[in-house]
Amino acid sequence: MSRPKAVPLLDSLPAVPTWVMADRGYTSHVFREHVGCMGARKAFPRQRHEAPVACPDWIYNNRNVVERLWAKLKE
């Protein structure tokens, strides 16, 4: 199940993002489908039972920068 506030947050953006990065907690089928339907590309880690997702390595490898930013903001 996707996070309850993720979809409304994405829908409130002024423009469609090119990429949506998320961690494994956001990998529900419903959330992935929503991101795809809005026209953005997904940069989520795949679940163990899924086929690899086409994502440039530099995007996936640098998502930890975003995760560290959120951790600092939460403090």
Protein backbone atom coordinates (compact mmCIF):
# COMPACT_ATOMS: atom_id res chain seq x y z
CA MET A 1 0.00 0.00 0.00
CA SER A 2 1.38 3.43 -0.88
CA ARG A 3 1.86 6.19 1.61
CA PRO A 4 -1.40 8.15 2.09
CA LYS A 5 0.08 11.61 1.47
CA ALA A 6 2.33 10.78 -1.46
CA VAL A 7 -0.36 10.89 -4.16
CA PRO A 8 -1.93 14.21 -3.06
CA LEU A 9 1.56 15.71 -2.73
CA LEU A 10 2.46 14.68 -6.28
CA ASP A 11 -0.89 15.94 -7.56
CA SER A 12 -0.33 19.35 -5.95
CA LEU A 13 2.92 20.02 -7.83
CA PRO A 14 2.70 22.83 -10.38
CA ALA A 15 4.10 20.62 -13.15
CA VAL A 16 4.61 16.93 -13.78
CA PRO A 17 8.07 15.89 -12.56
CA THR A 18 10.38 14.16 -14.98
CA TRP A 19 11.40 11.56 -12.38
CA VAL A 20 9.89 10.45 -9.07
CA MET A 21 12.40 8.91 -6.68
CA ALA A 22 11.23 6.85 -3.74
CA ASP A 23 12.38 4.13 -1.43
CA ARG A 24 11.03 0.60 -1.21
CA GLY A 25 8.13 1.75 1.00
CA TYR A 26 6.53 3.43 -2.01
CA THR A 27 6.71 0.49 -4.39
CA SER A 28 3.06 -0.50 -4.32
CA HIS A 29 1.44 -1.25 -7.66
CA VAL A 30 -1.11 1.54 -7.14
CA PHE A 31 1.55 4.18 -6.49
CA ARG A 32 3.71 3.03 -9.40
CA GLU A 33 0.69 3.13 -11.68
CA HIS A 34 -0.24 6.64 -10.49
CA VAL A 35 3.28 7.93 -11.18
CA GLY A 36 3.24 6.33 -14.62
CA CYS A 37 -0.20 7.72 -15.47
CA MET A 38 0.83 11.25 -14.56
CA GLY A 39 3.68 11.01 -17.10
CA ALA A 40 6.65 10.83 -14.74
CA ARG A 41 9.32 8.15 -14.79
CA LYS A 42 9.86 6.00 -11.72
CA ALA A 43 13.15 5.63 -9.85
CA PHE A 44 12.14 3.13 -7.17
CA PRO A 45 14.06 0.12 -5.99
CA ARG A 46 12.42 -2.98 -7.31
CA GLN A 47 10.73 -5.49 -5.09
CA ARG A 48 12.26 -8.96 -4.97
CA HIS A 49 9.53 -10.48 -7.15
CA GLU A 50 9.69 -7.75 -9.83
CA ALA A 51 11.76 -7.47 -12.97
CA PRO A 52 14.48 -4.79 -12.97
CA VAL A 53 13.20 -1.27 -13.61
CA ALA A 54 14.93 0.81 -16.29
CA CYS A 55 16.48 3.71 -14.40
CA PRO A 56 19.75 5.54 -15.04
CA ASP A 57 22.34 4.54 -12.46
CA TRP A 58 23.15 8.17 -11.57
CA ILE A 59 19.55 8.82 -10.48
CA TYR A 60 19.17 5.70 -8.40
CA ASN A 61 22.65 6.00 -6.86
CA ASN A 62 22.15 9.65 -5.85
CA ARG A 63 18.75 9.22 -4.22
CA ASN A 64 20.55 8.93 -0.87
CA VAL A 65 21.21 12.70 -1.12
CA VAL A 66 17.46 13.26 -1.00
CA GLU A 67 17.05 10.78 1.85
CA ARG A 68 19.74 12.57 3.90
CA LEU A 69 18.07 15.93 3.23
CA TRP A 70 14.75 14.62 4.56
CA ALA A 71 16.49 13.18 7.62
CA LYS A 72 18.00 16.60 8.39
CA LEU A 73 14.66 18.35 7.91
CA LYS A 74 12.98 15.93 10.30
CA GLU A 75 15.47 16.82 13.06
